[in-house]
Amino acid sequence: MIAALKSFAKAHWPKLHLRVILFGTLLFVAALPGVAALSLRVYENTIVQQTESELIAQSVVLAAAYKSAWRGGVPDPSPRPLAPEVPGIDLRTDAVLPRAPRGVSAGAPDRHAAQVAQALRPIVSDAVAVTLTATRLLDARGTVVLGRDDAGLNFGKLAEVRAALRGHPATVLRERSAKEMADWRAMLSRAYAIRVHHARPVIADGKVIGVVMVTRSPRGLFIGIWQDRVAILLGSGVIFLTLLVLAGLLSRGIARPISALARASDDVARGVPVVPETPVTAAIEIAQLYDNFRSMAARIERRSRYLRDFAAAVSHEFKTPIAGIRGALELLGDHGAEMSAEERARFLGNATADADRLARLVQRLLDLARADMATIDADARADVVAAARRVADSFRGGAFAVEVIAGTVPDARVTSAAIETILETVVENARQAGASLVTIRIEAMDGVRLSVADDGPGVAAADIERIFEPFFTGRREEGGAGLGLAIARSLLAASGGTIVAERVKRGACFRIGLVAAT
């Protein structure tokens, strides 16, 4: 079921701009309280409870007047204690009873109650005229002693009257007439379709002497809305304008920068790495996205430039031995029969040497590719001092020597194989340059720092920035490929390390920085 719904949503989900989504979300959130108030009948329930409160207040006053007139103005010697009475009707949960039936004839009402009603007639008439509340005064049996046109009728069977005759005030909801129920306002507002009935007992000398029965319809929801239409329209307009302003701010802070970044990504894909400036109105996360995208575009440009230069260098490096092999083969093919054995052997030797050079280039290119793609595990650690001593032992013998000077240093976040390869490359370059002594000094400084210095002829000042570029070498005639230091730098970069060449008065010096293992 859920999978089917997801499939349907994916198939029919509309393509929307971020601005539309932002404005729609804000509009929904702004409208949610009003929709909830209408759907949960919060406002209507408040109207009904307000009506009940007004009926309670009115019935209390009339009950007090009824009691005073009953006793001829003499105070009750044992009055019933009174307490605040809060509305108890809940439109959402209370049942709506059918329309109150007309009372039944029950004979003559209580004579004393009828006299009291006549005395209270002016008060009741004034209250009805002002509050539009249907008011009836009943005697101790529930018979009307004062009402509109139902004097002498008994309402003792009504639930609210029965409760009042037992000494408890009661409020119920009842339907309005069929004509009123068919009104369009009743279909829009449930409160319009009901009447609130409240019955209050009149207690004197500890017994119920009568009942005050009041009923009124609450003000309909949409009638109230219509009456307050100016304020509601003004508030809605202010909310709508506020939403437009917020949507505009969010658009400038989110949608526009993202659109600009999307266009910039297309430019980068076409080879135009131009990233726009970060908008000043962009959110912090969007600004960080711009910075990251700018760094990524710069890395892509550097990588593209590296690949272009690398391809040109590879083409140049391969061109010479391939040309030599092709020339030797053409000469042997055209003039092989006329050559002496020595000449043929010389040309074949040249071709073999060029083929060996190609083989070395291919192997070193593979080594460089592996170094560029290498990743060092975050948990990797190596004893740099031990690795340096193993490298020094491998060069022991003859006139060339490697010395290791080290104190107490932490392990580095690198593999032993990688650091040995790097040191072997640097030491071998020094040996081939004519050095007789290489000193490897290891210190605990900003992690682990190695200083590899030799007593050879050193590196020319003009070349000190280029020696790490692929295929740059000063020993091309001796078969050097110029990839060793490039491989060393790539291996170090994979572990967060660095290597630089420093200018010194004598010989060459390389500084290698490693991250300490955690």
Protein backbone atom coordinates (compact mmCIF):
# COMPACT_ATOMS: atom_id res chain seq x y z
CA MET A 1 0.00 0.00 0.00
CA ILE A 2 2.70 2.48 1.02
CA ALA A 3 4.88 1.45 -1.94
CA ALA A 4 1.96 2.02 -4.32
CA LEU A 5 1.32 5.47 -2.83
CA LYS A 6 4.99 6.36 -3.16
CA SER A 7 5.03 5.23 -6.79
CA PHE A 8 1.91 7.26 -7.55
CA ALA A 9 3.36 10.34 -5.83
CA LYS A 10 6.64 10.04 -7.73
CA ALA A 11 4.82 9.66 -11.04
CA HIS A 12 2.50 12.65 -10.50
CA TRP A 13 4.59 14.94 -8.31
CA PRO A 14 4.59 18.41 -9.88
CA LYS A 15 7.79 20.22 -10.75
CA LEU A 16 7.81 23.34 -8.62
CA HIS A 17 10.21 26.21 -8.22
CA LEU A 18 11.73 26.66 -4.80
CA ARG A 19 10.07 30.08 -4.54
CA VAL A 20 6.64 28.48 -5.00
CA ILE A 21 7.42 25.85 -2.36
CA LEU A 22 8.59 28.49 0.12
CA PHE A 23 5.56 30.72 -0.41
CA GLY A 24 3.16 27.76 -0.31
CA THR A 25 4.72 26.52 2.93
CA LEU A 26 4.48 29.95 4.56
CA LEU A 27 0.89 30.37 3.39
CA PHE A 28 -0.06 26.96 4.73
CA VAL A 29 1.56 27.65 8.10
CA ALA A 30 -0.15 31.05 8.32
CA ALA A 31 -3.55 29.58 7.43
CA LEU A 32 -3.16 26.56 9.70
CA PRO A 33 -4.40 28.24 12.92
CA GLY A 34 -7.54 29.51 11.17
CA VAL A 35 -8.20 26.19 9.48
CA ALA A 36 -7.66 24.37 12.77
CA ALA A 37 -9.97 26.77 14.59
CA LEU A 38 -12.71 26.14 12.03
CA SER A 39 -12.20 22.40 11.71
CA LEU A 40 -11.91 21.85 15.46
CA ARG A 41 -14.81 24.26 16.12
CA VAL A 42 -12.71 26.20 18.61
CA TYR A 43 -14.27 29.54 17.71
CA GLU A 44 -17.81 28.18 17.55
CA ASN A 45 -17.35 26.41 20.88
CA THR A 46 -16.23 29.70 22.41
CA ILE A 47 -19.36 31.42 21.06
CA VAL A 48 -21.61 28.72 22.54
CA GLN A 49 -19.88 28.88 25.92
CA GLN A 50 -20.18 32.66 25.92
CA THR A 51 -23.92 32.30 25.29
CA GLU A 52 -24.16 29.81 28.17
CA SER A 53 -22.33 32.24 30.47
CA GLU A 54 -24.77 35.01 29.59
CA LEU A 55 -27.75 32.69 30.22
CA ILE A 56 -26.29 31.64 33.59
CA ALA A 57 -25.86 35.28 34.64
CA GLN A 58 -29.37 36.20 33.53
CA SER A 59 -30.99 33.17 35.20
CA VAL A 60 -29.16 33.81 38.49
CA VAL A 61 -30.53 37.36 38.66
CA LEU A 62 -34.08 36.21 37.83
CA ALA A 63 -33.85 33.33 40.34
CA ALA A 64 -32.79 35.78 43.05
CA ALA A 65 -35.72 38.07 42.17
CA TYR A 66 -38.09 35.05 42.13
CA LYS A 67 -36.89 34.00 45.59
CA SER A 68 -37.14 37.51 47.03
CA ALA A 69 -40.68 37.96 45.71
CA TRP A 70 -41.67 34.51 47.01
CA ARG A 71 -40.60 35.45 50.54
CA GLY A 72 -42.08 38.94 50.30
CA GLY A 73 -38.66 40.56 50.54
CA VAL A 74 -37.75 38.73 53.76
CA PRO A 75 -34.20 37.30 53.59
CA ASP A 76 -33.86 33.52 53.60
CA PRO A 77 -32.65 32.48 57.11
CA SER A 78 -30.66 29.58 55.69
CA PRO A 79 -29.55 30.69 52.23
CA ARG A 80 -27.93 28.18 49.90
CA PRO A 81 -24.17 28.88 49.47
CA LEU A 82 -23.33 30.14 46.01
CA ALA A 83 -20.11 29.64 44.03
CA PRO A 84 -18.83 30.75 40.63
CA GLU A 85 -20.33 28.67 37.84
CA VAL A 86 -18.32 28.14 34.68
CA PRO A 87 -19.79 27.07 31.32
CA GLY A 88 -19.90 23.32 30.86
CA ILE A 89 -21.16 22.97 27.29
CA ASP A 90 -18.75 21.57 24.67
CA LEU A 91 -20.02 21.81 21.12
CA ARG A 92 -17.50 19.20 19.97
CA THR A 93 -18.62 16.42 22.34
CA ASP A 94 -22.07 17.22 23.75
CA ALA A 95 -25.06 15.77 21.93
CA VAL A 96 -27.58 18.11 20.33
CA LEU A 97 -31.08 17.13 21.53
CA PRO A 98 -34.18 17.42 19.37
CA ARG A 99 -36.16 20.63 19.38
CA ALA A 100 -38.01 21.10 22.69
CA PRO A 101 -41.59 19.89 22.36
CA ARG A 102 -44.49 22.08 23.38
CA GLY A 103 -45.49 21.61 27.00
CA VAL A 104 -48.56 19.63 28.06
CA SER A 105 -51.56 20.93 29.94
CA ALA A 106 -51.23 20.23 33.65
CA GLY A 107 -54.02 22.25 35.24
CA ALA A 108 -53.71 25.48 37.16
CA PRO A 109 -50.19 26.41 38.34
CA ASP A 110 -49.26 27.09 41.93
CA ARG A 111 -51.19 30.22 43.03
CA HIS A 112 -48.33 31.76 45.00
CA ALA A 113 -45.91 31.14 42.11
CA ALA A 114 -48.39 32.80 39.72
CA GLN A 115 -48.55 35.88 41.99
CA VAL A 116 -44.75 36.03 42.09
CA ALA A 117 -44.63 35.78 38.30
CA GLN A 118 -47.01 38.70 37.89
CA ALA A 119 -44.82 40.76 40.18
CA LEU A 120 -41.75 39.91 38.11
CA ARG A 121 -43.39 40.44 34.71
CA PRO A 122 -41.97 43.96 34.17
CA ILE A 123 -38.45 42.80 35.02
CA VAL A 124 -38.68 39.77 32.74
CA SER A 125 -40.17 41.83 29.88
CA ASP A 126 -37.35 44.37 30.01
CA ALA A 127 -34.71 41.60 30.09
CA VAL A 128 -36.27 39.79 27.12
CA ALA A 129 -36.53 43.00 25.10
CA VAL A 130 -32.84 43.77 25.55
CA THR A 131 -31.25 40.29 25.45
CA LEU A 132 -33.70 38.57 23.07
CA THR A 133 -33.68 35.62 25.43
CA ALA A 134 -36.79 33.43 25.60
CA THR A 135 -37.58 33.34 29.33
CA ARG A 136 -40.07 31.24 31.25
CA LEU A 137 -40.75 31.07 34.98
CA LEU A 138 -42.00 27.68 36.22
CA ASP A 139 -43.51 26.59 39.50
CA ALA A 140 -42.30 23.68 41.66
CA ARG A 141 -43.99 21.16 39.32
CA GLY A 142 -42.55 22.57 36.08
CA THR A 143 -45.68 24.42 35.02
CA VAL A 144 -45.24 27.76 33.29
CA VAL A 145 -46.38 30.72 35.38
CA LEU A 146 -44.82 33.34 33.12
CA GLY A 147 -43.99 32.87 29.44
CA ARG A 148 -44.81 34.03 25.96
CA ASP A 149 -47.97 32.10 25.08
CA ASP A 150 -47.57 28.85 26.97
CA ALA A 151 -48.75 29.80 30.45
CA GLY A 152 -50.24 26.80 32.18
CA LEU A 153 -48.26 24.26 30.14
CA ASN A 154 -45.97 21.84 31.92
CA PHE A 155 -42.33 21.29 30.82
CA GLY A 156 -41.39 18.87 33.58
CA LYS A 157 -40.45 16.13 31.10
CA LEU A 158 -37.56 18.13 29.58
CA ALA A 159 -34.16 16.90 30.73
CA GLU A 160 -32.94 20.31 31.79
CA VAL A 161 -36.16 21.03 33.75
CA ARG A 162 -36.04 17.65 35.49
CA ALA A 163 -32.49 18.40 36.63
CA ALA A 164 -33.52 21.85 37.89
CA LEU A 165 -36.50 20.42 39.81
CA ARG A 166 -33.99 18.16 41.56
CA GLY A 167 -32.03 21.25 42.59
CA HIS A 168 -29.27 21.24 39.93
CA PRO A 169 -28.86 23.85 37.19
CA ALA A 170 -28.53 22.28 33.76
CA THR A 171 -27.64 23.41 30.24
CA VAL A 172 -28.38 21.43 27.06
CA LEU A 173 -28.13 22.02 23.33
CA ARG A 174 -31.27 21.63 21.21
CA GLU A 175 -31.99 21.89 17.52
CA ARG A 176 -33.73 24.93 16.12
CA SER A 177 -36.91 24.80 14.05
CA ALA A 178 -36.96 22.99 10.70
CA LYS A 179 -37.15 26.30 8.86
CA GLU A 180 -34.12 27.66 10.66
CA MET A 181 -32.23 24.37 10.13
CA ALA A 182 -32.74 24.73 6.35
CA ASP A 183 -31.12 28.17 6.33
CA TRP A 184 -27.80 28.35 4.43
CA ARG A 185 -26.14 29.77 7.53
CA ALA A 186 -26.98 26.57 9.41
CA MET A 187 -25.03 24.58 6.82
CA LEU A 188 -21.97 26.78 7.29
CA SER A 189 -22.08 27.08 11.07
CA ARG A 190 -23.19 24.41 13.50
CA ALA A 191 -23.67 27.04 16.22
CA TYR A 192 -26.32 28.75 14.11
CA ALA A 193 -28.39 25.54 13.99
CA ILE A 194 -28.78 25.10 17.75
CA ARG A 195 -30.30 26.79 20.78
CA VAL A 196 -28.79 26.80 24.24
CA HIS A 197 -31.35 25.86 26.95
CA HIS A 198 -30.54 26.62 30.58
CA ALA A 199 -32.76 25.77 33.56
CA ARG A 200 -31.98 27.03 37.08
CA PRO A 201 -33.77 26.00 40.25
CA VAL A 202 -35.16 28.64 42.64
CA ILE A 203 -34.51 27.36 46.16
CA ALA A 204 -36.00 28.88 49.29
CA ASP A 205 -36.10 27.39 52.78
CA GLY A 206 -34.13 24.41 51.48
CA LYS A 207 -36.62 23.33 48.81
CA VAL A 208 -37.21 24.02 45.11
CA ILE A 209 -40.04 26.55 44.74
CA GLY A 210 -39.65 27.15 41.00
CA VAL A 211 -37.44 27.12 37.92
CA VAL A 212 -36.07 29.87 35.69
CA MET A 213 -35.85 28.56 32.11
CA VAL A 214 -33.95 30.67 29.56
CA THR A 215 -33.00 29.82 25.97
CA ARG A 216 -31.19 31.64 23.19
CA SER A 217 -29.38 30.89 19.96
CA PRO A 218 -25.65 31.65 19.80
CA ARG A 219 -24.41 34.10 17.27
CA GLY A 220 -23.50 32.18 14.08
CA LEU A 221 -19.85 31.84 13.19
CA PHE A 222 -20.11 33.39 9.78
CA ILE A 223 -22.40 36.09 11.04
CA GLY A 224 -19.61 37.07 13.42
CA ILE A 225 -17.09 36.86 10.62
CA TRP A 226 -19.28 39.07 8.43
CA GLN A 227 -19.69 41.60 11.19
CA ASP A 228 -15.91 41.66 11.69
CA ARG A 229 -15.15 41.51 7.97
CA VAL A 230 -13.21 44.77 7.85
CA ALA A 231 -10.81 43.74 10.62
CA ILE A 232 -10.51 40.22 9.20
CA LEU A 233 -9.80 41.45 5.67
CA LEU A 234 -7.28 43.97 6.99
CA GLY A 235 -5.55 41.30 9.07
CA SER A 236 -5.55 38.86 6.13
CA GLY A 237 -4.04 41.52 3.90
CA VAL A 238 -1.30 42.28 6.42
CA ILE A 239 -0.57 38.56 6.80
CA PHE A 240 -0.46 38.10 3.01
CA LEU A 241 1.91 41.05 2.55
CA THR A 242 4.07 39.71 5.38
CA LEU A 243 4.17 36.33 3.64
CA LEU A 244 5.22 37.99 0.40
CA VAL A 245 8.03 39.84 2.20
CA LEU A 246 9.19 36.66 3.97
CA ALA A 247 9.00 34.66 0.74
CA GLY A 248 11.03 37.38 -0.98
CA LEU A 249 13.66 37.32 1.78
CA LEU A 250 13.86 33.54 1.66
CA SER A 251 14.07 33.68 -2.13
CA ARG A 252 16.98 36.12 -1.97
CA GLY A 253 18.64 34.10 0.77
CA ILE A 254 18.07 30.61 -0.66
CA ALA A 255 16.36 30.31 -4.04
CA ARG A 256 18.32 32.92 -6.01
CA PRO A 257 21.75 31.85 -4.73
CA ILE A 258 20.95 28.22 -5.52
CA SER A 259 19.81 29.18 -9.05
CA ALA A 260 23.01 31.16 -9.56
CA LEU A 261 25.05 28.21 -8.29
CA ALA A 262 23.20 25.88 -10.68
CA ARG A 263 24.15 28.14 -13.60
CA ALA A 264 27.73 28.25 -12.34
CA SER A 265 27.82 24.43 -12.24
CA ASP A 266 26.81 24.38 -15.92
CA ASP A 267 29.65 26.79 -16.68
CA VAL A 268 32.11 24.59 -14.79
CA ALA A 269 30.87 21.55 -16.73
CA ARG A 270 31.55 23.48 -19.99
CA GLY A 271 35.05 24.28 -18.81
CA VAL A 272 34.41 27.85 -17.68
CA PRO A 273 35.22 27.76 -13.95
CA VAL A 274 33.69 31.14 -13.08
CA VAL A 275 31.89 31.02 -9.73
CA PRO A 276 29.80 34.11 -8.83
CA GLU A 277 30.45 36.01 -5.66
CA THR A 278 28.51 34.86 -2.61
CA PRO A 279 25.36 37.02 -2.30
CA VAL A 280 25.36 39.13 0.84
CA THR A 281 21.76 38.03 1.55
CA ALA A 282 22.57 34.33 1.31
CA ALA A 283 22.00 32.15 4.36
CA ILE A 284 25.05 30.89 6.23
CA GLU A 285 24.64 27.36 4.86
CA ILE A 286 24.28 28.74 1.30
CA ALA A 287 27.39 30.87 1.80
CA GLN A 288 29.28 27.76 2.94
CA LEU A 289 27.97 25.95 -0.15
CA TYR A 290 29.35 28.76 -2.32
CA ASP A 291 32.74 28.52 -0.61
CA ASN A 292 32.82 24.74 -1.03
CA PHE A 293 31.71 25.02 -4.65
CA ARG A 294 34.38 27.65 -5.29
CA SER A 295 37.04 25.37 -3.79
CA MET A 296 35.74 22.44 -5.81
CA ALA A 297 35.79 24.49 -9.03
CA ALA A 298 39.36 25.55 -8.27
CA ARG A 299 40.38 21.94 -7.65
CA ILE A 300 38.66 20.86 -10.86
CA GLU A 301 40.49 23.58 -12.77
CA ARG A 302 43.80 22.58 -11.22
CA ARG A 303 43.12 18.94 -12.03
CA SER A 304 42.12 19.80 -15.60
CA ARG A 305 45.26 21.88 -16.03
CA TYR A 306 47.29 19.07 -14.49
CA LEU A 307 45.77 16.54 -16.87
CA ARG A 308 46.43 18.79 -19.88
CA ASP A 309 50.03 19.34 -18.85
CA PHE A 310 50.40 15.69 -17.93
CA ALA A 311 49.05 14.55 -21.31
CA ALA A 312 51.42 16.94 -23.09
CA ALA A 313 54.38 15.70 -21.00
CA VAL A 314 53.50 12.04 -21.58
CA SER A 315 53.19 12.69 -25.31
CA HIS A 316 56.58 14.41 -25.31
CA GLU A 317 58.26 11.71 -23.21
CA PHE A 318 56.90 8.89 -25.36
CA LYS A 319 57.64 10.64 -28.63
CA THR A 320 61.43 10.41 -28.38
CA PRO A 321 61.82 6.65 -27.70
CA ILE A 322 59.04 5.79 -30.12
CA ALA A 323 60.71 7.88 -32.81
CA GLY A 324 64.02 6.14 -32.05
CA ILE A 325 62.45 2.67 -32.28
CA ARG A 326 60.61 3.56 -35.49
CA GLY A 327 63.76 5.02 -37.06
CA ALA A 328 65.79 1.94 -36.17
CA LEU A 329 63.14 -0.36 -37.61
CA GLU A 330 62.88 1.70 -40.82
CA LEU A 331 66.65 1.65 -41.29
CA LEU A 332 66.81 -2.06 -40.63
CA GLY A 333 63.90 -2.65 -42.98
CA ASP A 334 65.30 -0.51 -45.80
CA HIS A 335 69.01 -1.16 -45.42
CA GLY A 336 69.32 -4.16 -43.14
CA ALA A 337 70.76 -6.35 -45.86
CA GLU A 338 73.46 -3.81 -46.66
CA MET A 339 74.50 -3.28 -43.02
CA SER A 340 77.27 -5.05 -41.27
CA ALA A 341 76.55 -7.18 -38.22
CA GLU A 342 77.98 -4.48 -35.96
CA GLU A 343 75.70 -1.81 -37.45
CA ARG A 344 72.63 -4.00 -37.14
CA ALA A 345 73.54 -4.80 -33.52
CA ARG A 346 73.98 -1.08 -32.77
CA PHE A 347 70.57 -0.17 -34.20
CA LEU A 348 68.92 -3.06 -32.39
CA GLY A 349 70.61 -2.00 -29.16
CA ASN A 350 69.31 1.55 -29.59
CA ALA A 351 65.78 0.21 -30.18
CA THR A 352 66.07 -2.04 -27.14
CA ALA A 353 67.26 0.87 -24.99
CA ASP A 354 64.32 3.00 -26.17
CA ALA A 355 61.92 0.12 -25.46
CA ASP A 356 63.38 -0.23 -21.97
CA ARG A 357 62.92 3.48 -21.45
CA LEU A 358 59.28 3.17 -22.50
CA ALA A 359 58.82 0.29 -20.09
CA ARG A 360 60.29 2.35 -17.25
CA LEU A 361 58.06 5.28 -18.15
CA VAL A 362 54.96 3.09 -18.17
CA GLN A 363 55.87 1.58 -14.80
CA ARG A 364 56.54 4.98 -13.26
CA LEU A 365 53.26 6.30 -14.68
CA LEU A 366 51.47 3.39 -13.04
CA ASP A 367 53.25 4.21 -9.77
CA LEU A 368 52.19 7.87 -10.09
CA ALA A 369 48.58 6.90 -10.82
CA ARG A 370 48.51 4.64 -7.76
CA ALA A 371 50.02 7.43 -5.66
CA ASP A 372 47.46 9.96 -6.93
CA MET A 373 44.61 7.57 -6.12
CA ALA A 374 46.04 6.38 -2.82
CA THR A 375 44.09 6.88 0.40
CA ILE A 376 45.49 6.47 3.87
CA ASP A 377 43.26 4.98 6.51
CA ALA A 378 42.59 7.34 9.42
CA ASP A 379 43.81 4.65 11.81
CA ALA A 380 47.10 4.11 9.95
CA ARG A 381 50.26 4.66 11.99
CA ALA A 382 53.93 4.08 11.38
CA ASP A 383 57.16 4.36 13.36
CA VAL A 384 58.96 6.94 11.21
CA VAL A 385 62.32 6.45 12.96
CA ALA A 386 62.28 2.70 12.34
CA ALA A 387 61.28 3.23 8.71
CA ALA A 388 64.13 5.74 8.23
CA ARG A 389 66.65 3.32 9.75
CA ARG A 390 65.50 0.57 7.36
CA VAL A 391 66.06 2.91 4.42
CA ALA A 392 69.50 3.85 5.76
CA ASP A 393 70.43 0.14 6.08
CA SER A 394 69.41 -0.51 2.48
CA PHE A 395 72.00 2.05 1.27
CA ARG A 396 74.79 0.83 3.56
CA GLY A 397 78.10 -0.01 1.91
CA GLY A 398 80.51 1.80 -0.38
CA ALA A 399 81.31 5.49 -0.32
CA PHE A 400 77.69 6.52 0.07
CA ALA A 401 76.22 6.72 3.60
CA VAL A 402 72.86 7.60 5.17
CA GLU A 403 72.75 8.90 8.75
CA VAL A 404 69.59 9.03 10.89
CA ILE A 405 69.36 11.50 13.80
CA ALA A 406 66.19 11.22 15.83
CA GLY A 407 64.86 11.82 19.30
CA THR A 408 61.58 10.67 20.77
CA VAL A 409 58.84 11.31 18.20
CA PRO A 410 55.25 10.06 17.99
CA ASP A 411 54.00 7.67 15.35
CA ALA A 412 52.80 9.33 12.15
CA ARG A 413 49.51 8.84 10.33
CA VAL A 414 51.05 7.08 7.34
CA THR A 415 51.93 3.56 6.31
CA SER A 416 55.47 2.24 6.70
CA ALA A 417 55.57 1.34 3.00
CA ALA A 418 54.65 4.89 1.97
CA ILE A 419 57.23 6.65 4.15
CA GLU A 420 59.95 4.18 3.07
CA THR A 421 59.11 4.80 -0.62
CA ILE A 422 59.31 8.57 -0.08
CA LEU A 423 62.64 8.43 1.75
CA GLU A 424 64.12 5.98 -0.78
CA THR A 425 63.18 8.35 -3.61
CA VAL A 426 64.80 11.39 -1.98
CA VAL A 427 67.93 9.47 -0.89
CA GLU A 428 68.32 7.82 -4.31
CA ASN A 429 68.06 11.21 -6.03
CA ALA A 430 70.83 12.52 -3.76
CA ARG A 431 73.04 9.48 -4.53
CA GLN A 432 72.53 9.86 -8.27
CA ALA A 433 73.30 13.59 -8.03
CA GLY A 434 76.73 12.77 -6.59
CA ALA A 435 76.23 13.17 -2.83
CA SER A 436 78.27 11.03 -0.44
CA LEU A 437 76.32 11.64 2.78
CA VAL A 438 72.61 12.05 3.43
CA THR A 439 71.40 13.06 6.89
CA ILE A 440 67.83 12.32 7.93
CA ARG A 441 66.84 14.36 10.97
CA ILE A 442 63.48 13.50 12.63
CA GLU A 443 61.81 15.84 15.15
CA ALA A 444 58.49 16.10 16.97
CA MET A 445 57.38 19.49 15.64
CA ASP A 446 53.82 20.18 14.37
CA GLY A 447 53.33 16.43 14.21
CA VAL A 448 56.43 14.73 12.82
CA ARG A 449 58.95 16.65 10.71
CA LEU A 450 61.78 15.10 8.70
CA SER A 451 64.70 16.99 7.24
CA VAL A 452 66.63 15.13 4.50
CA ALA A 453 69.87 16.98 3.65
CA ASP A 454 72.81 15.90 1.47
CA ASP A 455 76.28 17.19 0.57
CA GLY A 456 75.78 16.99 -3.18
CA PRO A 457 75.71 19.76 -5.78
CA GLY A 458 72.19 20.80 -4.72
CA VAL A 459 69.23 22.04 -6.77
CA ALA A 460 69.46 25.08 -9.05
CA ALA A 461 67.53 28.08 -7.76
CA ALA A 462 65.52 28.23 -10.99
CA ASP A 463 64.44 24.58 -10.63
CA ILE A 464 63.62 24.43 -6.92
CA GLU A 465 59.90 25.13 -7.58
CA ARG A 466 59.65 22.71 -10.51
CA ILE A 467 61.31 19.55 -9.26
CA PHE A 468 57.98 18.14 -8.02
CA GLU A 469 56.35 18.49 -11.44
CA PRO A 470 55.91 15.23 -13.36
CA PHE A 471 58.64 14.52 -15.96
CA PHE A 472 60.89 17.32 -14.76
CA THR A 473 64.40 15.91 -14.43
CA GLY A 474 67.99 16.99 -14.89
CA ARG A 475 69.12 13.42 -15.72
CA ARG A 476 67.14 12.71 -18.86
CA GLU A 477 70.30 11.56 -20.63
CA GLU A 478 70.87 8.97 -17.89
CA GLY A 479 67.31 7.67 -18.27
CA GLY A 480 65.62 9.66 -15.50
CA ALA A 481 61.85 9.92 -15.89
CA GLY A 482 61.29 12.84 -13.52
CA LEU A 483 58.42 11.11 -11.68
CA GLY A 484 60.01 10.12 -8.38
CA LEU A 485 59.37 13.36 -6.45
CA ALA A 486 55.89 13.69 -8.00
CA ILE A 487 55.06 10.22 -6.68
CA ALA A 488 56.47 11.13 -3.26
CA ARG A 489 54.36 14.29 -3.09
CA SER A 490 51.19 12.38 -4.05
CA LEU A 491 51.83 9.74 -1.38
CA LEU A 492 52.30 12.45 1.23
CA ALA A 493 49.19 14.33 0.13
CA ALA A 494 47.12 11.18 0.61
CA SER A 495 48.06 11.17 4.31
CA GLY A 496 47.84 14.92 4.82
CA GLY A 497 51.62 15.37 4.67
CA THR A 498 53.78 17.85 2.73
CA ILE A 499 57.21 17.98 1.10
CA VAL A 500 59.12 21.10 0.06
CA ALA A 501 62.63 21.80 -1.16
CA GLU A 502 64.55 24.47 0.75
CA ARG A 503 67.41 26.63 -0.42
CA VAL A 504 70.64 25.92 1.49
CA LYS A 505 74.23 27.03 1.02
CA ARG A 506 75.49 23.55 0.23
CA GLY A 507 73.74 20.48 -1.10
CA ALA A 508 69.99 19.92 -1.18
CA CYS A 509 67.48 19.84 1.69
CA PHE A 510 63.92 18.52 1.71
CA ARG A 511 61.44 19.15 4.52
CA ILE A 512 58.80 16.48 5.00
CA GLY A 513 55.85 17.12 7.32
CA LEU A 514 53.65 14.29 8.63
CA VAL A 515 50.48 14.28 10.72
CA ALA A 516 50.89 12.63 14.11
CA ALA A 517 48.78 9.50 14.60
CA THR A 518 45.97 9.78 17.14
